[in-house]
C-alpha atoms as a PDB file:
ATOM      1  CA  MET A   1    -192.455  26.045 -71.946  1.00  0.00           C
ATOM      2  CA  ARG A   2    -193.470  22.594 -72.405  1.00  0.00           C
ATOM      3  CA  GLN A   3    -191.395  19.592 -70.958  1.00  0.00           C
ATOM      4  CA  GLN A   4    -190.829  16.633 -73.179  1.00  0.00           C
ATOM      5  CA  ASN A   5    -191.344  13.207 -71.795  1.00  0.00           C
ATOM      6  CA  LYS A   6    -188.175  11.103 -72.546  1.00  0.00           C
ATOM      7  CA  ALA A   7    -189.310   7.815 -71.086  1.00  0.00           C
ATOM      8  CA  GLY A   8    -189.086   4.950 -73.482  1.00  0.00           C
ATOM      9  CA  PHE A   9    -186.573   3.812 -76.234  1.00  0.00           C
ATOM     10  CA  THR A  10    -185.871   5.273 -79.654  1.00  0.00           C
ATOM     11  CA  LEU A  11    -186.263   3.001 -82.708  1.00  0.00           C
ATOM     12  CA  ILE A  12    -182.601   2.886 -83.286  1.00  0.00           C
ATOM     13  CA  GLU A  13    -182.014   1.512 -79.749  1.00  0.00           C
ATOM     14  CA  ILE A  14    -184.512  -1.212 -80.285  1.00  0.00           C
ATOM     15  CA  VAL A  15    -183.044  -2.338 -83.611  1.00  0.00           C
ATOM     16  CA  ILE A  16    -179.598  -2.367 -82.039  1.00  0.00           C
ATOM     17  CA  VAL A  17    -180.632  -4.570 -79.078  1.00  0.00           C
ATOM     18  CA  THR A  18    -182.595  -6.878 -81.359  1.00  0.00           C
ATOM     19  CA  THR A  19    -179.738  -7.241 -83.747  1.00  0.00           C
ATOM     20  CA  ILE A  20    -177.450  -8.098 -80.850  1.00  0.00           C
ATOM     21  CA  ILE A  21    -179.945 -10.646 -79.332  1.00  0.00           C
ATOM     22  CA  GLY A  22    -180.324 -12.267 -82.881  1.00  0.00           C
ATOM     23  CA  MET A  23    -176.640 -12.552 -83.269  1.00  0.00           C
ATOM     24  CA  MET A  24    -176.177 -14.061 -79.848  1.00  0.00           C
ATOM     25  CA  SER A  25    -179.110 -16.594 -80.509  1.00  0.00           C
ATOM     26  CA  ALA A  26    -177.453 -17.722 -83.772  1.00  0.00           C
ATOM     27  CA  ILE A  27    -174.232 -18.312 -82.049  1.00  0.00           C
ATOM     28  CA  ALA A  28    -175.804 -20.360 -79.327  1.00  0.00           C
ATOM     29  CA  VAL A  29    -177.825 -22.521 -81.843  1.00  0.00           C
ATOM     30  CA  VAL A  30    -174.743 -23.304 -83.726  1.00  0.00           C
ATOM     31  CA  SER A  31    -172.988 -24.245 -80.537  1.00  0.00           C
ATOM     32  CA  ILE A  32    -175.664 -26.464 -79.436  1.00  0.00           C
ATOM     33  CA  LEU A  33    -175.862 -28.187 -82.778  1.00  0.00           C
ATOM     34  CA  ASN A  34    -172.037 -28.823 -82.728  1.00  0.00           C
ATOM     35  CA  ALA A  35    -172.164 -30.292 -79.243  1.00  0.00           C
ATOM     36  CA  SER A  36    -174.980 -32.649 -80.222  1.00  0.00           C
ATOM     37  CA  ASN A  37    -172.884 -33.748 -83.255  1.00  0.00           C
ATOM     38  CA  LYS A  38    -169.887 -34.230 -81.087  1.00  0.00           C
ATOM     39  CA  ALA A  39    -171.834 -36.399 -78.541  1.00  0.00           C
ATOM     40  CA  SER A  40    -173.276 -38.523 -81.384  1.00  0.00           C
ATOM     41  CA  GLN A  41    -169.901 -39.097 -82.886  1.00  0.00           C
ATOM     42  CA  ALA A  42    -168.423 -39.936 -79.326  1.00  0.00           C
ATOM     43  CA  ALA A  43    -171.224 -42.427 -78.956  1.00  0.00           C
ATOM     44  CA  LYS A  44    -170.386 -44.108 -82.356  1.00  0.00           C
ATOM     45  CA  ASP A  45    -166.759 -44.248 -81.382  1.00  0.00           C
ATOM     46  CA  ARG A  46    -167.596 -45.889 -78.018  1.00  0.00           C
ATOM     47  CA  ASN A  47    -169.921 -48.413 -79.836  1.00  0.00           C
ATOM     48  CA  VAL A  48    -167.085 -49.283 -82.379  1.00  0.00           C
ATOM     49  CA  THR A  49    -164.452 -49.622 -79.646  1.00  0.00           C
ATOM     50  CA  ASP A  50    -166.830 -51.940 -77.778  1.00  0.00           C
ATOM     51  CA  VAL A  51    -167.230 -54.198 -80.816  1.00  0.00           C
ATOM     52  CA  GLU A  52    -163.341 -54.247 -81.146  1.00  0.00           C
ATOM     53  CA  LYS A  53    -163.083 -55.203 -77.434  1.00  0.00           C
ATOM     54  CA  ALA A  54    -165.618 -57.891 -77.892  1.00  0.00           C
ATOM     55  CA  LYS A  55    -163.834 -59.339 -80.942  1.00  0.00           C
ATOM     56  CA  GLY A  56    -160.657 -59.369 -78.995  1.00  0.00           C
ATOM     57  CA  GLN A  57    -162.287 -61.304 -76.169  1.00  0.00           C
ATOM     58  CA  LEU A  58    -163.793 -63.783 -78.593  1.00  0.00           C
ATOM     59  CA  THR A  59    -160.482 -64.544 -80.295  1.00  0.00           C
ATOM     60  CA  LEU A  60    -159.362 -67.875 -78.687  1.00  0.00           C
ATOM     61  CA  PRO A  61    -157.417 -70.523 -80.303  1.00  0.00           C
ATOM     62  CA  PHE A  62    -159.700 -73.108 -82.016  1.00  0.00           C
ATOM     63  CA  GLY A  63    -160.411 -76.138 -79.939  1.00  0.00           C
ATOM     64  CA  THR A  64    -160.358 -74.303 -76.492  1.00  0.00           C
ATOM     65  CA  VAL A  65    -163.153 -72.583 -74.501  1.00  0.00           C
ATOM     66  CA  CYS A  66    -162.071 -69.920 -71.950  1.00  0.00           C
ATOM     67  CA  GLY A  67    -162.870 -71.416 -68.585  1.00  0.00           C
ATOM     68  CA  ALA A  68    -163.632 -74.969 -69.848  1.00  0.00           C
ATOM     69  CA  MET A  69    -164.132 -77.604 -66.986  1.00  0.00           C
ATOM     70  CA  ASN A  70    -161.505 -79.950 -68.063  1.00  0.00           C
ATOM     71  CA  ALA A  71    -158.924 -77.329 -68.902  1.00  0.00           C
ATOM     72  CA  THR A  72    -155.746 -77.618 -66.935  1.00  0.00           C
ATOM     73  CA  ILE A  73    -152.471 -75.698 -66.917  1.00  0.00           C
ATOM     74  CA  ASP A  74    -151.256 -78.356 -69.483  1.00  0.00           C
ATOM     75  CA  THR A  75    -154.112 -77.847 -71.849  1.00  0.00           C
ATOM     76  CA  PRO A  76    -152.674 -76.604 -75.209  1.00  0.00           C
ATOM     77  CA  LEU A  77    -153.712 -73.377 -76.381  1.00  0.00           C
ATOM     78  CA  SER A  78    -152.456 -73.410 -79.805  1.00  0.00           C
ATOM     79  CA  THR A  79    -154.514 -76.112 -81.499  1.00  0.00           C
ATOM     80  CA  GLY A  80    -156.361 -75.110 -84.536  1.00  0.00           C
ATOM     81  CA  THR A  81    -156.345 -71.971 -86.778  1.00  0.00           C
ATOM     82  CA  PRO A  82    -155.076 -68.774 -85.113  1.00  0.00           C
ATOM     83  CA  GLY A  83    -157.485 -65.878 -85.165  1.00  0.00           C
ATOM     84  CA  GLN A  84    -160.562 -68.078 -85.480  1.00  0.00           C
ATOM     85  CA  SER A  85    -162.885 -67.670 -82.635  1.00  0.00           C
ATOM     86  CA  ASN A  86    -163.756 -70.765 -80.722  1.00  0.00           C
ATOM     87  CA  LEU A  87    -166.491 -69.167 -78.769  1.00  0.00           C
ATOM     88  CA  LEU A  88    -168.354 -68.159 -81.774  1.00  0.00           C
ATOM     89  CA  SER A  89    -168.476 -71.724 -82.974  1.00  0.00           C
ATOM     90  CA  ALA A  90    -169.342 -72.985 -79.374  1.00  0.00           C
ATOM     91  CA  LEU A  91    -172.365 -70.611 -79.554  1.00  0.00           C
ATOM     92  CA  ASN A  92    -173.363 -71.770 -82.916  1.00  0.00           C
ATOM     93  CA  ILE A  93    -172.900 -68.170 -84.384  1.00  0.00           C
ATOM     94  CA  SER A  94    -171.435 -68.869 -87.815  1.00  0.00           C
ATOM     95  CA  HIS A  95    -171.340 -65.357 -89.203  1.00  0.00           C
ATOM     96  CA  ILE A  96    -172.361 -61.874 -87.891  1.00  0.00           C
ATOM     97  CA  ASP A  97    -172.612 -59.402 -90.833  1.00  0.00           C
ATOM     98  CA  ALA A  98    -173.669 -56.261 -88.936  1.00  0.00           C
ATOM     99  CA  LEU A  99    -174.978 -55.115 -85.494  1.00  0.00           C
ATOM    100  CA  THR A 100    -177.902 -52.599 -85.432  1.00  0.00           C
ATOM    101  CA  VAL A 101    -177.497 -49.725 -82.991  1.00  0.00           C
ATOM    102  CA  GLY A 102    -180.593 -47.488 -83.206  1.00  0.00           C
ATOM    103  CA  SER A 103    -181.207 -47.063 -86.948  1.00  0.00           C
ATOM    104  CA  GLU A 104    -177.603 -47.536 -87.989  1.00  0.00           C
ATOM    105  CA  LYS A 105    -175.651 -50.652 -88.523  1.00  0.00           C
ATOM    106  CA  ILE A 106    -172.140 -51.457 -87.368  1.00  0.00           C
ATOM    107  CA  ASP A 107    -170.034 -53.631 -89.836  1.00  0.00           C
ATOM    108  CA  VAL A 108    -168.177 -56.002 -87.434  1.00  0.00           C
ATOM    109  CA  GLY A 109    -165.394 -56.393 -89.769  1.00  0.00           C
ATOM    110  CA  THR A 110    -162.836 -59.255 -89.304  1.00  0.00           C
ATOM    111  CA  MET A 111    -159.882 -59.715 -87.054  1.00  0.00           C
ATOM    112  CA  LYS A 112    -157.717 -57.642 -89.344  1.00  0.00           C
ATOM    113  CA  ILE A 113    -160.329 -55.044 -90.473  1.00  0.00           C
ATOM    114  CA  LYS A 114    -161.606 -52.668 -87.820  1.00  0.00           C
ATOM    115  CA  ALA A 115    -165.343 -52.404 -87.217  1.00  0.00           C
ATOM    116  CA  SER A 116    -167.157 -49.293 -88.592  1.00  0.00           C
ATOM    117  CA  TYR A 117    -170.518 -47.894 -89.279  1.00  0.00           C
ATOM    118  CA  LEU A 118    -171.858 -48.956 -92.602  1.00  0.00           C
ATOM    119  CA  ASN A 119    -173.503 -45.659 -93.540  1.00  0.00           C
ATOM    120  CA  ASN A 120    -170.401 -43.511 -92.472  1.00  0.00           C
ATOM    121  CA  GLU A 121    -169.146 -41.108 -95.090  1.00  0.00           C
END
């Protein structure tokens, strides 16, 4: 009687293993793409937050400059238009439309309108 050599895998076993590996790869690719999108969105959120913080720091009463040499405790802080940035005029920056971050632009907005990405859907 002849003995059969059973070393190796059947075609069905190879197909099943290949299918399982393919499914696991698809799940991994989707997870990586989602993580990349989340990281990109988190960076955009940080950029907008930084713009908002900068706007808050630039909002000084008109006619005063933070840390001015002649400023004393008695220097009035409420001269001029509230919400108008004295620092922007001191730096001769009349108007900023948008900031470019990479290939995208952030609309600075106003003191009442939050900054946002221009090409955000």
